[in-house]
Amino acid sequence: MLITAVYFWQVALAVHVVFVVAAFGLLLVHPFIVMAAERLDRRAVPGILRVRRLLGRSLVNPGLAMVVIAGVYLAAYEHQWSRFYVQWGIAAALVIGGLEGAVVIRQIGRLADLAERDLAASGPAREVTWSAEYLAARGRADQVNALLGVIVVVTTFLMVVK
């Protein structure tokens, strides 16, 4: 049986990739989950939004920290600090962390409150109509989510092609 060595840099790379998938995958899929819930059962929307808010605090932010820690180790180990993809990754982490912490978590909480209010004022689930205030807040949230998605996709591309 052939036994190969596992190096610490490989473990760091695996940690980096796992947390990118876990934390940033949520950023990519969340808008689609909300759209599906609005189509299938609008009464589920406030709960989904509250789950997203919780995951922002308990998965995205800590996951971002793990991505940065592993990325810093890898950049130092491979002497890559001057490379564009590393500089981009640092900037992307700052923007994602700032937007998630300062904007998204608040927006999602506000959207959940507005959705609950609209549901309380409506009849059966299929007859629920969203208020202009909810739709405007949702539009702003969609813009931020789109920006986050673009940052995640571009950063992933740059990390892969180096």
C-alpha atoms as a PDB file:
ATOM      1  CA  MET A   1       0.000   0.000   0.000  1.00  0.00           C
ATOM      2  CA  LEU A   2       1.304   3.410  -0.983  1.00  0.00           C
ATOM      3  CA  ILE A   3       1.050   6.060   1.706  1.00  0.00           C
ATOM      4  CA  THR A   4       1.505   9.651   0.647  1.00  0.00           C
ATOM      5  CA  ALA A   5       2.297  12.535   2.932  1.00  0.00           C
ATOM      6  CA  VAL A   6      -0.248  15.230   3.579  1.00  0.00           C
ATOM      7  CA  TYR A   7       1.316  18.647   3.959  1.00  0.00           C
ATOM      8  CA  PHE A   8      -0.057  21.433   6.102  1.00  0.00           C
ATOM      9  CA  TRP A   9      -0.436  23.725   3.084  1.00  0.00           C
ATOM     10  CA  GLN A  10      -2.793  21.120   1.571  1.00  0.00           C
ATOM     11  CA  VAL A  11      -4.881  21.123   4.743  1.00  0.00           C
ATOM     12  CA  ALA A  12      -4.962  24.936   4.646  1.00  0.00           C
ATOM     13  CA  LEU A  13      -6.056  24.842   1.003  1.00  0.00           C
ATOM     14  CA  ALA A  14      -8.824  22.357   1.826  1.00  0.00           C
ATOM     15  CA  VAL A  15     -10.019  24.562   4.725  1.00  0.00           C
ATOM     16  CA  HIS A  16      -9.953  27.575   2.400  1.00  0.00           C
ATOM     17  CA  VAL A  17     -12.049  25.805  -0.264  1.00  0.00           C
ATOM     18  CA  VAL A  18     -14.533  24.255   2.193  1.00  0.00           C
ATOM     19  CA  PHE A  19     -15.302  27.596   3.805  1.00  0.00           C
ATOM     20  CA  VAL A  20     -15.552  29.356   0.434  1.00  0.00           C
ATOM     21  CA  VAL A  21     -18.161  26.804  -0.614  1.00  0.00           C
ATOM     22  CA  ALA A  22     -20.040  26.872   2.706  1.00  0.00           C
ATOM     23  CA  ALA A  23     -20.053  30.604   3.380  1.00  0.00           C
ATOM     24  CA  PHE A  24     -20.110  32.041  -0.101  1.00  0.00           C
ATOM     25  CA  GLY A  25     -22.365  29.380  -1.571  1.00  0.00           C
ATOM     26  CA  LEU A  26     -25.075  30.829   0.657  1.00  0.00           C
ATOM     27  CA  LEU A  27     -24.489  34.262  -0.877  1.00  0.00           C
ATOM     28  CA  LEU A  28     -25.014  32.818  -4.345  1.00  0.00           C
ATOM     29  CA  VAL A  29     -28.072  30.658  -3.632  1.00  0.00           C
ATOM     30  CA  HIS A  30     -30.034  32.833  -1.176  1.00  0.00           C
ATOM     31  CA  PRO A  31     -31.749  35.076  -3.771  1.00  0.00           C
ATOM     32  CA  PHE A  32     -33.008  31.995  -5.616  1.00  0.00           C
ATOM     33  CA  ILE A  33     -34.376  30.468  -2.419  1.00  0.00           C
ATOM     34  CA  VAL A  34     -36.335  33.653  -1.665  1.00  0.00           C
ATOM     35  CA  MET A  35     -37.693  33.786  -5.225  1.00  0.00           C
ATOM     36  CA  ALA A  36     -38.795  30.155  -4.997  1.00  0.00           C
ATOM     37  CA  ALA A  37     -40.478  30.751  -1.631  1.00  0.00           C
ATOM     38  CA  GLU A  38     -42.309  33.788  -2.987  1.00  0.00           C
ATOM     39  CA  ARG A  39     -43.677  31.596  -5.780  1.00  0.00           C
ATOM     40  CA  LEU A  40     -44.456  28.458  -3.796  1.00  0.00           C
ATOM     41  CA  ASP A  41     -45.533  29.733  -0.379  1.00  0.00           C
ATOM     42  CA  ARG A  42     -45.213  33.379   0.490  1.00  0.00           C
ATOM     43  CA  ARG A  43     -45.911  32.608   4.138  1.00  0.00           C
ATOM     44  CA  ALA A  44     -42.486  30.918   4.292  1.00  0.00           C
ATOM     45  CA  VAL A  45     -40.624  34.080   3.237  1.00  0.00           C
ATOM     46  CA  PRO A  46     -40.205  35.706   6.688  1.00  0.00           C
ATOM     47  CA  GLY A  47     -38.834  32.466   8.136  1.00  0.00           C
ATOM     48  CA  ILE A  48     -36.429  32.001   5.239  1.00  0.00           C
ATOM     49  CA  LEU A  49     -35.232  35.575   5.615  1.00  0.00           C
ATOM     50  CA  ARG A  50     -34.678  35.086   9.347  1.00  0.00           C
ATOM     51  CA  VAL A  51     -32.720  31.886   8.664  1.00  0.00           C
ATOM     52  CA  ARG A  52     -30.562  33.813   6.158  1.00  0.00           C
ATOM     53  CA  ARG A  53     -29.918  36.488   8.774  1.00  0.00           C
ATOM     54  CA  LEU A  54     -28.893  33.863  11.321  1.00  0.00           C
ATOM     55  CA  LEU A  55     -26.636  32.146   8.787  1.00  0.00           C
ATOM     56  CA  GLY A  56     -25.047  35.484   7.934  1.00  0.00           C
ATOM     57  CA  ARG A  57     -24.008  35.847  11.540  1.00  0.00           C
ATOM     58  CA  SER A  58     -23.136  32.217  12.245  1.00  0.00           C
ATOM     59  CA  LEU A  59     -21.809  30.962   8.883  1.00  0.00           C
ATOM     60  CA  VAL A  60     -20.879  33.753   6.454  1.00  0.00           C
ATOM     61  CA  ASN A  61     -18.943  35.966   8.864  1.00  0.00           C
ATOM     62  CA  PRO A  62     -17.055  33.141  10.656  1.00  0.00           C
ATOM     63  CA  GLY A  63     -16.577  31.381   7.305  1.00  0.00           C
ATOM     64  CA  LEU A  64     -15.086  34.555   5.878  1.00  0.00           C
ATOM     65  CA  ALA A  65     -12.654  34.638   8.799  1.00  0.00           C
ATOM     66  CA  MET A  66     -11.580  31.059   8.056  1.00  0.00           C
ATOM     67  CA  VAL A  67     -11.183  31.855   4.342  1.00  0.00           C
ATOM     68  CA  VAL A  68      -8.965  34.822   5.194  1.00  0.00           C
ATOM     69  CA  ILE A  69      -6.864  32.941   7.768  1.00  0.00           C
ATOM     70  CA  ALA A  70      -6.248  30.017   5.403  1.00  0.00           C
ATOM     71  CA  GLY A  71      -5.679  32.404   2.473  1.00  0.00           C
ATOM     72  CA  VAL A  72      -3.117  34.437   4.425  1.00  0.00           C
ATOM     73  CA  TYR A  73      -1.267  31.252   5.319  1.00  0.00           C
ATOM     74  CA  LEU A  74      -1.288  30.064   1.692  1.00  0.00           C
ATOM     75  CA  ALA A  75      -0.144  33.438   0.328  1.00  0.00           C
ATOM     76  CA  ALA A  76       2.712  33.523   2.846  1.00  0.00           C
ATOM     77  CA  TYR A  77       3.678  29.872   2.289  1.00  0.00           C
ATOM     78  CA  GLU A  78       3.728  30.285  -1.489  1.00  0.00           C
ATOM     79  CA  HIS A  79       5.257  33.808  -1.393  1.00  0.00           C
ATOM     80  CA  GLN A  80       2.343  35.166  -3.435  1.00  0.00           C
ATOM     81  CA  TRP A  81       1.702  38.509  -1.697  1.00  0.00           C
ATOM     82  CA  SER A  82       2.558  40.561  -4.775  1.00  0.00           C
ATOM     83  CA  ARG A  83       0.261  38.610  -7.095  1.00  0.00           C
ATOM     84  CA  PHE A  84      -2.930  40.296  -8.318  1.00  0.00           C
ATOM     85  CA  TYR A  85      -5.223  37.436  -7.322  1.00  0.00           C
ATOM     86  CA  VAL A  86      -4.053  37.706  -3.707  1.00  0.00           C
ATOM     87  CA  GLN A  87      -4.599  41.471  -3.626  1.00  0.00           C
ATOM     88  CA  TRP A  88      -8.025  40.996  -5.208  1.00  0.00           C
ATOM     89  CA  GLY A  89      -8.878  38.290  -2.654  1.00  0.00           C
ATOM     90  CA  ILE A  90      -8.000  40.594   0.237  1.00  0.00           C
ATOM     91  CA  ALA A  91     -10.124  43.396  -1.233  1.00  0.00           C
ATOM     92  CA  ALA A  92     -12.981  40.963  -1.921  1.00  0.00           C
ATOM     93  CA  ALA A  93     -12.882  39.702   1.671  1.00  0.00           C
ATOM     94  CA  LEU A  94     -13.052  43.266   2.992  1.00  0.00           C
ATOM     95  CA  VAL A  95     -15.981  44.176   0.718  1.00  0.00           C
ATOM     96  CA  ILE A  96     -17.893  40.957   1.417  1.00  0.00           C
ATOM     97  CA  GLY A  97     -17.346  41.255   5.169  1.00  0.00           C
ATOM     98  CA  GLY A  98     -18.303  44.917   5.188  1.00  0.00           C
ATOM     99  CA  LEU A  99     -21.427  44.465   3.091  1.00  0.00           C
ATOM    100  CA  GLU A 100     -22.547  41.346   4.950  1.00  0.00           C
ATOM    101  CA  GLY A 101     -22.026  42.860   8.389  1.00  0.00           C
ATOM    102  CA  ALA A 102     -23.141  46.421   7.782  1.00  0.00           C
ATOM    103  CA  VAL A 103     -25.787  46.074   5.081  1.00  0.00           C
ATOM    104  CA  VAL A 104     -27.080  42.574   4.323  1.00  0.00           C
ATOM    105  CA  ILE A 105     -27.835  41.388   7.850  1.00  0.00           C
ATOM    106  CA  ARG A 106     -29.784  44.584   8.547  1.00  0.00           C
ATOM    107  CA  GLN A 107     -31.565  44.504   5.186  1.00  0.00           C
ATOM    108  CA  ILE A 108     -32.611  40.897   5.675  1.00  0.00           C
ATOM    109  CA  GLY A 109     -33.996  41.633   9.140  1.00  0.00           C
ATOM    110  CA  ARG A 110     -35.962  44.578   7.778  1.00  0.00           C
ATOM    111  CA  LEU A 111     -37.263  42.490   4.865  1.00  0.00           C
ATOM    112  CA  ALA A 112     -38.428  39.758   7.257  1.00  0.00           C
ATOM    113  CA  ASP A 113     -40.303  42.328   9.341  1.00  0.00           C
ATOM    114  CA  LEU A 114     -41.929  43.857   6.246  1.00  0.00           C
ATOM    115  CA  ALA A 115     -42.869  40.422   4.889  1.00  0.00           C
ATOM    116  CA  GLU A 116     -44.493  39.490   8.206  1.00  0.00           C
ATOM    117  CA  ARG A 117     -46.438  42.746   8.219  1.00  0.00           C
ATOM    118  CA  ASP A 118     -47.613  42.212   4.643  1.00  0.00           C
ATOM    119  CA  LEU A 119     -48.634  38.626   5.419  1.00  0.00           C
ATOM    120  CA  ALA A 120     -50.606  39.717   8.482  1.00  0.00           C
ATOM    121  CA  ALA A 121     -52.524  42.188   6.309  1.00  0.00           C
ATOM    122  CA  SER A 122     -53.256  39.601   3.591  1.00  0.00           C
ATOM    123  CA  GLY A 123     -55.525  36.633   3.154  1.00  0.00           C
ATOM    124  CA  PRO A 124     -54.527  33.132   2.075  1.00  0.00           C
ATOM    125  CA  ALA A 125     -50.942  32.501   0.927  1.00  0.00           C
ATOM    126  CA  ARG A 126     -51.742  32.675  -2.788  1.00  0.00           C
ATOM    127  CA  GLU A 127     -53.432  36.060  -2.347  1.00  0.00           C
ATOM    128  CA  VAL A 128     -50.543  37.731  -0.511  1.00  0.00           C
ATOM    129  CA  THR A 129     -49.395  40.918  -2.169  1.00  0.00           C
ATOM    130  CA  TRP A 130     -46.207  42.645  -1.180  1.00  0.00           C
ATOM    131  CA  SER A 131     -46.303  46.299  -0.204  1.00  0.00           C
ATOM    132  CA  ALA A 132     -44.390  48.934  -2.133  1.00  0.00           C
ATOM    133  CA  GLU A 133     -42.120  49.264   0.900  1.00  0.00           C
ATOM    134  CA  TYR A 134     -41.279  45.534   0.834  1.00  0.00           C
ATOM    135  CA  LEU A 135     -40.687  45.578  -2.931  1.00  0.00           C
ATOM    136  CA  ALA A 136     -38.404  48.615  -2.673  1.00  0.00           C
ATOM    137  CA  ALA A 137     -36.419  47.046   0.176  1.00  0.00           C
ATOM    138  CA  ARG A 138     -36.260  43.764  -1.742  1.00  0.00           C
ATOM    139  CA  GLY A 139     -34.929  45.628  -4.792  1.00  0.00           C
ATOM    140  CA  ARG A 140     -32.146  47.200  -2.734  1.00  0.00           C
ATOM    141  CA  ALA A 141     -31.326  43.819  -1.178  1.00  0.00           C
ATOM    142  CA  ASP A 142     -31.258  42.194  -4.620  1.00  0.00           C
ATOM    143  CA  GLN A 143     -28.737  44.781  -5.823  1.00  0.00           C
ATOM    144  CA  VAL A 144     -26.416  44.084  -2.897  1.00  0.00           C
ATOM    145  CA  ASN A 145     -26.862  40.318  -3.326  1.00  0.00           C
ATOM    146  CA  ALA A 146     -26.031  40.633  -7.033  1.00  0.00           C
ATOM    147  CA  LEU A 147     -22.872  42.577  -6.197  1.00  0.00           C
ATOM    148  CA  LEU A 148     -21.846  39.938  -3.653  1.00  0.00           C
ATOM    149  CA  GLY A 149     -22.496  37.189  -6.185  1.00  0.00           C
ATOM    150  CA  VAL A 150     -20.362  38.905  -8.820  1.00  0.00           C
ATOM    151  CA  ILE A 151     -17.540  39.385  -6.310  1.00  0.00           C
ATOM    152  CA  VAL A 152     -17.671  35.707  -5.300  1.00  0.00           C
ATOM    153  CA  VAL A 153     -17.693  34.471  -8.919  1.00  0.00           C
ATOM    154  CA  VAL A 154     -14.906  36.807 -10.096  1.00  0.00           C
ATOM    155  CA  THR A 155     -12.778  36.023  -7.042  1.00  0.00           C
ATOM    156  CA  THR A 156     -13.248  32.286  -7.539  1.00  0.00           C
ATOM    157  CA  PHE A 157     -12.237  32.658 -11.190  1.00  0.00           C
ATOM    158  CA  LEU A 158      -9.131  34.660 -10.304  1.00  0.00           C
ATOM    159  CA  MET A 159      -8.111  32.159  -7.617  1.00  0.00           C
ATOM    160  CA  VAL A 160      -8.450  29.248 -10.036  1.00  0.00           C
ATOM    161  CA  VAL A 161      -6.572  30.814 -12.968  1.00  0.00           C
ATOM    162  CA  LYS A 162      -4.020  32.692 -10.795  1.00  0.00           C
END
